[in-house]
């Protein structure tokens, strides 16, 4: 019977697709500093390229910051704390490494979230969170 009507057996079992004409996509552009490119040992913010570790928030760039992952200390995170972010994305260079929690204890004590990832991932994530209008800081170690 299905063969006579020209409908395949699988098509008869498939639910009908719902078409929703109300779905719209919009390009969202955040305000302030946004990462426009990354590569080994560099990050581009807007049109400017940086080759030293830095702290990035939508309204300012703090550089230099921690020279290397191994050199990270509590004083480095005090500088981040001064910027009053709600969340800190710690980019640890070309690969994800976790510092000892006592190094960023001041952020935790202030109720600031800390997410650790490699620096390229932190830069991408920063753009997403900044575009949402949230108070974010990316602390990026550039190898």
N, C-alpha and C. Protein backbone atom coordinates (compact mmCIF):
# COMPACT_ATOMS: atom_id res chain seq x y z
N UNK A 1 0.81 -1.20 0.00
CA UNK A 1 0.00 0.00 0.00
C UNK A 1 0.86 1.26 0.00
N UNK A 2 1.95 1.27 0.78
CA UNK A 2 2.83 2.43 0.78
C UNK A 2 3.50 2.61 -0.57
N UNK A 3 3.91 1.51 -1.17
CA UNK A 3 4.59 1.59 -2.46
C UNK A 3 3.67 2.17 -3.52
N UNK A 4 2.38 1.87 -3.44
CA UNK A 4 1.43 2.39 -4.42
C UNK A 4 1.22 3.89 -4.29
N UNK A 5 1.30 4.42 -3.07
CA UNK A 5 1.05 5.85 -2.89
C UNK A 5 2.29 6.69 -3.16
N UNK A 6 3.46 6.02 -3.34
CA UNK A 6 4.69 6.77 -3.61
C UNK A 6 5.38 7.24 -2.36
N UNK A 7 4.95 6.82 -1.16
CA UNK A 7 5.54 7.22 0.10
C UNK A 7 6.38 6.08 0.63
N UNK A 8 7.60 6.36 1.01
CA UNK A 8 8.44 5.30 1.55
C UNK A 8 7.99 4.93 2.95
N UNK A 9 8.36 3.73 3.39
CA UNK A 9 7.98 3.25 4.71
C UNK A 9 8.56 4.16 5.80
N UNK A 10 9.84 4.63 5.66
CA UNK A 10 10.45 5.50 6.66
C UNK A 10 9.78 6.87 6.73
N UNK A 11 9.37 7.37 5.60
CA UNK A 11 8.72 8.68 5.58
C UNK A 11 7.38 8.64 6.31
N UNK A 12 6.71 7.51 6.23
CA UNK A 12 5.42 7.39 6.90
C UNK A 12 5.58 7.41 8.41
N UNK A 13 6.72 6.98 8.92
CA UNK A 13 6.96 6.94 10.38
C UNK A 13 7.51 8.25 10.93
N UNK A 14 8.12 9.07 10.09
CA UNK A 14 8.73 10.32 10.55
C UNK A 14 7.66 11.33 10.93
N UNK A 15 7.86 12.01 12.08
CA UNK A 15 6.91 13.07 12.42
C UNK A 15 7.10 14.26 11.48
N UNK A 16 6.06 14.98 11.28
CA UNK A 16 6.13 16.16 10.42
C UNK A 16 7.05 17.20 11.05
N UNK A 17 7.84 17.88 10.22
CA UNK A 17 8.71 18.94 10.72
C UNK A 17 7.90 20.19 11.00
N UNK A 18 8.19 20.78 12.14
CA UNK A 18 7.51 22.02 12.51
C UNK A 18 8.34 23.18 12.00
N UNK A 19 7.73 24.05 11.31
CA UNK A 19 8.43 25.23 10.80
C UNK A 19 7.99 26.43 11.61
N UNK A 20 8.99 27.10 12.22
CA UNK A 20 8.69 28.25 13.06
C UNK A 20 9.29 29.49 12.41
N UNK A 21 8.48 30.32 11.78
CA UNK A 21 9.01 31.50 11.09
C UNK A 21 9.46 32.60 12.04
N UNK A 22 9.32 32.41 13.36
CA UNK A 22 9.64 33.47 14.31
C UNK A 22 11.05 33.38 14.87
N UNK A 23 11.86 32.44 14.41
CA UNK A 23 13.22 32.32 14.89
C UNK A 23 14.09 33.29 14.10
N UNK A 24 14.79 34.17 14.82
CA UNK A 24 15.66 35.15 14.17
C UNK A 24 17.03 35.10 14.81
N UNK A 25 18.05 35.30 14.03
CA UNK A 25 19.41 35.37 14.53
C UNK A 25 19.92 36.79 14.30
N UNK A 26 20.62 37.31 15.31
CA UNK A 26 21.17 38.66 15.22
C UNK A 26 22.64 38.62 15.57
N UNK A 27 23.43 39.38 14.85
CA UNK A 27 24.84 39.52 15.19
C UNK A 27 24.93 40.40 16.42
N UNK A 28 25.55 39.87 17.47
CA UNK A 28 25.70 40.63 18.71
C UNK A 28 27.12 41.13 18.80
N UNK A 29 27.29 42.41 18.94
CA UNK A 29 28.62 42.98 19.11
C UNK A 29 28.70 43.59 20.49
N UNK A 30 29.64 43.11 21.26
CA UNK A 30 29.83 43.65 22.60
C UNK A 30 30.48 45.01 22.54
N UNK A 31 30.35 45.72 23.62
CA UNK A 31 30.99 47.03 23.70
C UNK A 31 32.30 46.89 24.45
N UNK A 32 33.22 47.77 24.16
CA UNK A 32 34.50 47.76 24.87
C UNK A 32 35.51 46.85 24.20
N UNK A 33 36.48 46.43 24.98
CA UNK A 33 37.58 45.61 24.46
C UNK A 33 37.10 44.20 24.14
N UNK A 34 37.34 43.77 22.92
CA UNK A 34 37.03 42.41 22.50
C UNK A 34 38.25 41.81 21.81
N UNK A 35 38.45 40.52 22.00
CA UNK A 35 39.55 39.82 21.36
C UNK A 35 39.17 39.57 19.91
N UNK A 36 40.03 40.00 18.99
CA UNK A 36 39.77 39.82 17.56
C UNK A 36 40.69 38.80 16.92
N UNK A 37 41.65 38.28 17.69
CA UNK A 37 42.53 37.24 17.16
C UNK A 37 43.48 36.73 18.22
N UNK A 38 43.90 35.48 18.06
CA UNK A 38 44.89 34.88 18.96
C UNK A 38 45.83 34.01 18.16
N UNK A 39 46.99 33.79 18.71
CA UNK A 39 47.96 32.91 18.08
C UNK A 39 49.01 32.55 19.11
N UNK A 40 49.98 31.75 18.72
CA UNK A 40 51.02 31.36 19.67
C UNK A 40 51.80 32.58 20.18
N UNK A 41 51.58 32.93 21.44
CA UNK A 41 52.32 34.03 22.05
C UNK A 41 51.77 35.42 21.81
N UNK A 42 50.57 35.54 21.24
CA UNK A 42 50.00 36.86 21.02
C UNK A 42 48.48 36.83 21.10
N UNK A 43 47.92 37.99 21.35
CA UNK A 43 46.48 38.19 21.34
C UNK A 43 46.22 39.56 20.73
N UNK A 44 45.20 39.66 19.89
CA UNK A 44 44.82 40.93 19.30
C UNK A 44 43.52 41.38 19.95
N UNK A 45 43.53 42.61 20.45
CA UNK A 45 42.35 43.21 21.08
C UNK A 45 42.01 44.43 20.24
N UNK A 46 40.87 44.37 19.59
CA UNK A 46 40.57 45.41 18.61
C UNK A 46 41.59 45.30 17.49
N UNK A 47 42.30 46.38 17.21
CA UNK A 47 43.33 46.37 16.16
C UNK A 47 44.75 46.24 16.73
N UNK A 48 44.88 46.22 18.06
CA UNK A 48 46.20 46.20 18.70
C UNK A 48 46.61 44.78 19.09
N UNK A 49 47.86 44.44 18.80
CA UNK A 49 48.40 43.12 19.13
C UNK A 49 49.27 43.20 20.38
N UNK A 50 49.09 42.24 21.27
CA UNK A 50 49.85 42.17 22.52
C UNK A 50 50.64 40.87 22.57
N UNK A 51 51.89 40.96 23.05
CA UNK A 51 52.74 39.79 23.16
C UNK A 51 53.23 39.57 24.59
N UNK A 52 52.61 40.24 25.54
CA UNK A 52 52.94 40.07 26.96
C UNK A 52 51.65 39.74 27.70
N UNK A 53 51.78 39.01 28.79
CA UNK A 53 50.62 38.63 29.59
C UNK A 53 49.86 39.88 30.02
N UNK A 54 48.54 39.76 30.15
CA UNK A 54 47.71 40.93 30.44
C UNK A 54 46.42 40.53 31.13
N UNK A 55 45.75 41.55 31.67
CA UNK A 55 44.40 41.40 32.20
C UNK A 55 43.49 42.24 31.30
N UNK A 56 42.41 41.64 30.88
CA UNK A 56 41.49 42.31 29.97
C UNK A 56 40.11 42.39 30.59
N UNK A 57 39.56 43.58 30.66
CA UNK A 57 38.17 43.81 31.04
C UNK A 57 37.58 44.71 29.95
N UNK A 58 36.27 44.77 29.84
CA UNK A 58 35.70 45.55 28.74
C UNK A 58 36.19 46.99 28.64
N UNK A 59 36.51 47.63 29.76
CA UNK A 59 36.89 49.05 29.68
C UNK A 59 38.38 49.33 29.78
N UNK A 60 39.21 48.32 30.04
CA UNK A 60 40.65 48.58 30.15
C UNK A 60 41.47 47.33 29.91
N UNK A 61 42.74 47.55 29.65
CA UNK A 61 43.72 46.47 29.50
C UNK A 61 44.87 46.78 30.45
N UNK A 62 45.20 45.82 31.29
CA UNK A 62 46.31 45.99 32.24
C UNK A 62 47.46 45.12 31.77
N UNK A 63 48.59 45.76 31.46
CA UNK A 63 49.77 45.03 31.01
C UNK A 63 51.00 45.76 31.49
N UNK A 64 52.05 45.11 31.84
CA UNK A 64 52.21 43.65 31.87
C UNK A 64 51.55 43.06 33.11
N UNK A 65 51.32 41.76 33.04
CA UNK A 65 50.76 41.01 34.17
C UNK A 65 51.76 39.92 34.51
N UNK A 66 51.35 38.78 34.97
CA UNK A 66 52.27 37.69 35.35
C UNK A 66 53.10 37.27 34.15
N UNK A 67 54.40 37.15 34.35
CA UNK A 67 55.29 36.82 33.24
C UNK A 67 55.10 35.37 32.76
N UNK A 68 54.95 34.45 33.70
CA UNK A 68 54.80 33.03 33.36
C UNK A 68 53.83 32.38 34.34
N UNK A 69 53.39 31.18 34.00
CA UNK A 69 52.52 30.44 34.90
C UNK A 69 53.24 30.15 36.21
N UNK A 70 54.48 29.75 36.12
CA UNK A 70 55.27 29.39 37.30
C UNK A 70 55.47 30.59 38.23
N UNK A 71 55.43 31.79 37.70
CA UNK A 71 55.65 33.00 38.50
C UNK A 71 54.37 33.56 39.12
N UNK A 72 53.21 32.93 38.84
CA UNK A 72 51.95 33.44 39.40
C UNK A 72 52.01 33.51 40.92
N UNK A 73 51.55 34.63 41.45
CA UNK A 73 51.51 34.79 42.90
C UNK A 73 50.25 35.52 43.32
N UNK A 74 50.01 35.59 44.60
CA UNK A 74 48.82 36.24 45.14
C UNK A 74 48.75 37.71 44.71
N UNK A 75 49.89 38.38 44.60
CA UNK A 75 49.90 39.79 44.20
C UNK A 75 49.34 39.97 42.78
N UNK A 76 49.56 39.00 41.91
CA UNK A 76 49.02 39.08 40.55
C UNK A 76 47.49 39.09 40.59
N UNK A 77 46.90 38.30 41.47
CA UNK A 77 45.45 38.23 41.56
C UNK A 77 44.86 39.40 42.33
N UNK A 78 45.66 40.06 43.16
CA UNK A 78 45.21 41.31 43.79
C UNK A 78 44.96 42.37 42.71
N UNK A 79 45.79 42.37 41.68
CA UNK A 79 45.59 43.31 40.57
C UNK A 79 44.29 43.03 39.84
N UNK A 80 43.94 41.74 39.71
CA UNK A 80 42.67 41.37 39.09
C UNK A 80 41.51 41.80 39.99
N UNK A 81 41.64 41.57 41.27
CA UNK A 81 40.61 41.93 42.25
C UNK A 81 40.29 43.41 42.21
N UNK A 82 41.30 44.25 41.99
CA UNK A 82 41.10 45.70 41.92
C UNK A 82 40.14 46.11 40.80
N UNK A 83 39.98 45.26 39.79
CA UNK A 83 39.10 45.57 38.66
C UNK A 83 37.64 45.18 38.92
N UNK A 84 37.37 44.53 40.05
CA UNK A 84 36.02 44.18 40.50
C UNK A 84 35.20 43.36 39.50
N UNK A 85 35.77 42.27 38.96
CA UNK A 85 34.97 41.44 38.06
C UNK A 85 34.02 40.52 38.84
N UNK A 86 33.03 39.98 38.16
CA UNK A 86 32.16 38.97 38.75
C UNK A 86 32.73 37.58 38.50
N UNK A 87 33.47 37.45 37.41
CA UNK A 87 34.10 36.19 37.04
C UNK A 87 35.46 36.47 36.41
N UNK A 88 36.43 35.60 36.69
CA UNK A 88 37.77 35.71 36.11
C UNK A 88 38.04 34.46 35.28
N UNK A 89 38.44 34.68 34.05
CA UNK A 89 38.86 33.60 33.18
C UNK A 89 40.38 33.61 33.16
N UNK A 90 40.98 32.60 33.77
CA UNK A 90 42.43 32.53 33.84
C UNK A 90 42.94 31.69 32.68
N UNK A 91 43.62 32.35 31.75
CA UNK A 91 44.24 31.66 30.62
C UNK A 91 45.68 31.33 30.98
N UNK A 92 46.00 30.05 31.05
CA UNK A 92 47.29 29.61 31.58
C UNK A 92 48.33 29.32 30.49
N UNK A 93 48.21 29.96 29.36
CA UNK A 93 49.18 29.76 28.29
C UNK A 93 48.67 28.80 27.23
N UNK A 94 49.58 28.05 26.63
CA UNK A 94 49.20 27.18 25.52
C UNK A 94 48.47 25.92 25.96
N UNK A 95 48.50 25.62 27.24
CA UNK A 95 47.75 24.46 27.74
C UNK A 95 47.13 24.80 29.10
N UNK A 96 46.11 24.08 29.44
CA UNK A 96 45.42 24.31 30.71
C UNK A 96 46.24 23.74 31.86
N UNK A 97 46.53 24.60 32.84
CA UNK A 97 47.23 24.18 34.07
C UNK A 97 46.53 24.86 35.23
N UNK A 98 46.46 24.17 36.35
CA UNK A 98 45.74 24.70 37.50
C UNK A 98 46.71 25.19 38.57
N UNK A 99 46.64 26.49 38.89
CA UNK A 99 47.48 26.99 39.98
C UNK A 99 46.91 26.52 41.32
N UNK A 100 47.74 26.58 42.34
CA UNK A 100 47.27 26.23 43.69
C UNK A 100 46.21 27.25 44.10
N UNK A 101 45.10 26.80 44.71
CA UNK A 101 44.02 27.74 45.08
C UNK A 101 44.46 28.88 46.01
N UNK A 102 45.50 28.70 46.78
CA UNK A 102 45.92 29.80 47.67
C UNK A 102 46.41 31.01 46.87
N UNK A 103 46.83 30.77 45.63
CA UNK A 103 47.31 31.88 44.79
C UNK A 103 46.17 32.85 44.46
N UNK A 104 44.97 32.33 44.23
CA UNK A 104 43.84 33.20 43.91
C UNK A 104 42.79 33.23 45.02
N UNK A 105 43.20 32.96 46.22
CA UNK A 105 42.31 32.94 47.39
C UNK A 105 41.58 34.27 47.58
N UNK A 106 42.21 35.39 47.28
CA UNK A 106 41.56 36.70 47.44
C UNK A 106 40.31 36.81 46.56
N UNK A 107 40.35 36.24 45.38
CA UNK A 107 39.19 36.26 44.49
C UNK A 107 38.06 35.41 45.07
N UNK A 108 38.41 34.22 45.54
CA UNK A 108 37.40 33.32 46.12
C UNK A 108 36.76 33.97 47.35
N UNK A 109 37.60 34.57 48.20
CA UNK A 109 37.09 35.21 49.42
C UNK A 109 36.13 36.37 49.08
N UNK A 110 36.34 37.00 47.94
CA UNK A 110 35.47 38.11 47.53
C UNK A 110 34.24 37.63 46.77
N UNK A 111 34.09 36.32 46.61
CA UNK A 111 32.93 35.77 45.91
C UNK A 111 33.02 35.85 44.40
N UNK A 112 34.24 35.96 43.88
CA UNK A 112 34.46 36.06 42.44
C UNK A 112 34.77 34.67 41.90
N UNK A 113 34.05 34.27 40.87
CA UNK A 113 34.28 32.98 40.25
C UNK A 113 35.56 32.96 39.45
N UNK A 114 36.25 31.83 39.47
CA UNK A 114 37.49 31.67 38.71
C UNK A 114 37.37 30.43 37.84
N UNK A 115 37.56 30.59 36.54
CA UNK A 115 37.56 29.47 35.60
C UNK A 115 38.94 29.41 34.97
N UNK A 116 39.52 28.22 34.93
CA UNK A 116 40.87 28.03 34.41
C UNK A 116 40.80 27.28 33.08
N UNK A 117 41.51 27.80 32.08
CA UNK A 117 41.56 27.18 30.75
C UNK A 117 42.79 27.66 30.03
N UNK A 118 43.08 27.13 28.85
CA UNK A 118 44.22 27.66 28.11
C UNK A 118 43.88 29.08 27.64
N UNK A 119 44.89 29.85 27.29
CA UNK A 119 44.66 31.28 27.00
C UNK A 119 43.78 31.53 25.79
N UNK A 120 43.89 30.70 24.75
CA UNK A 120 43.04 30.90 23.57
C UNK A 120 41.57 30.66 23.93
N UNK A 121 41.29 29.61 24.71
CA UNK A 121 39.91 29.34 25.13
C UNK A 121 39.39 30.46 26.03
N UNK A 122 40.25 30.98 26.90
CA UNK A 122 39.85 32.07 27.79
C UNK A 122 39.50 33.32 26.97
N UNK A 123 40.26 33.58 25.92
CA UNK A 123 39.98 34.75 25.07
C UNK A 123 38.63 34.60 24.37
N UNK A 124 38.35 33.42 23.84
CA UNK A 124 37.06 33.19 23.17
C UNK A 124 35.90 33.32 24.17
N UNK A 125 36.07 32.71 25.33
CA UNK A 125 35.02 32.74 26.35
C UNK A 125 34.79 34.16 26.85
N UNK A 126 35.87 34.92 27.00
CA UNK A 126 35.75 36.32 27.41
C UNK A 126 34.81 37.08 26.47
N UNK A 127 35.00 36.92 25.16
CA UNK A 127 34.16 37.64 24.20
C UNK A 127 32.68 37.31 24.38
N UNK A 128 32.37 36.05 24.63
CA UNK A 128 30.98 35.63 24.80
C UNK A 128 30.39 36.28 26.05
N UNK A 129 31.11 36.19 27.15
CA UNK A 129 30.59 36.73 28.42
C UNK A 129 30.52 38.26 28.38
N UNK A 130 31.52 38.89 27.77
CA UNK A 130 31.50 40.36 27.65
C UNK A 130 30.33 40.81 26.78
N UNK A 131 30.01 40.06 25.72
CA UNK A 131 28.89 40.42 24.84
C UNK A 131 27.56 40.32 25.58
N UNK A 132 27.51 39.49 26.62
CA UNK A 132 26.30 39.39 27.44
C UNK A 132 26.17 40.56 28.41
N UNK A 133 27.20 41.41 28.47
CA UNK A 133 27.17 42.57 29.35
C UNK A 133 27.56 42.24 30.78
N UNK A 134 28.15 41.07 30.99
CA UNK A 134 28.54 40.68 32.35
C UNK A 134 29.91 41.22 32.69
N UNK A 135 30.19 41.37 33.95
CA UNK A 135 31.47 41.91 34.47
C UNK A 135 32.50 40.79 34.48
N UNK A 136 33.29 40.69 33.42
CA UNK A 136 34.25 39.61 33.24
C UNK A 136 35.66 40.16 33.10
N UNK A 137 36.63 39.40 33.58
CA UNK A 137 38.04 39.72 33.37
C UNK A 137 38.72 38.49 32.82
N UNK A 138 39.56 38.67 31.81
CA UNK A 138 40.39 37.59 31.29
C UNK A 138 41.82 37.90 31.70
N UNK A 139 42.40 37.03 32.51
CA UNK A 139 43.79 37.16 32.91
C UNK A 139 44.56 36.16 32.06
N UNK A 140 45.27 36.68 31.06
CA UNK A 140 45.88 35.82 30.04
C UNK A 140 47.39 35.78 30.16
N UNK A 141 47.91 34.57 30.31
CA UNK A 141 49.35 34.37 30.27
C UNK A 141 49.69 34.03 28.81
N UNK A 142 50.55 34.82 28.23
CA UNK A 142 50.94 34.58 26.84
C UNK A 142 52.35 33.98 26.84
N UNK A 143 52.46 32.79 26.26
CA UNK A 143 53.77 32.12 26.27
C UNK A 143 54.82 32.86 25.46
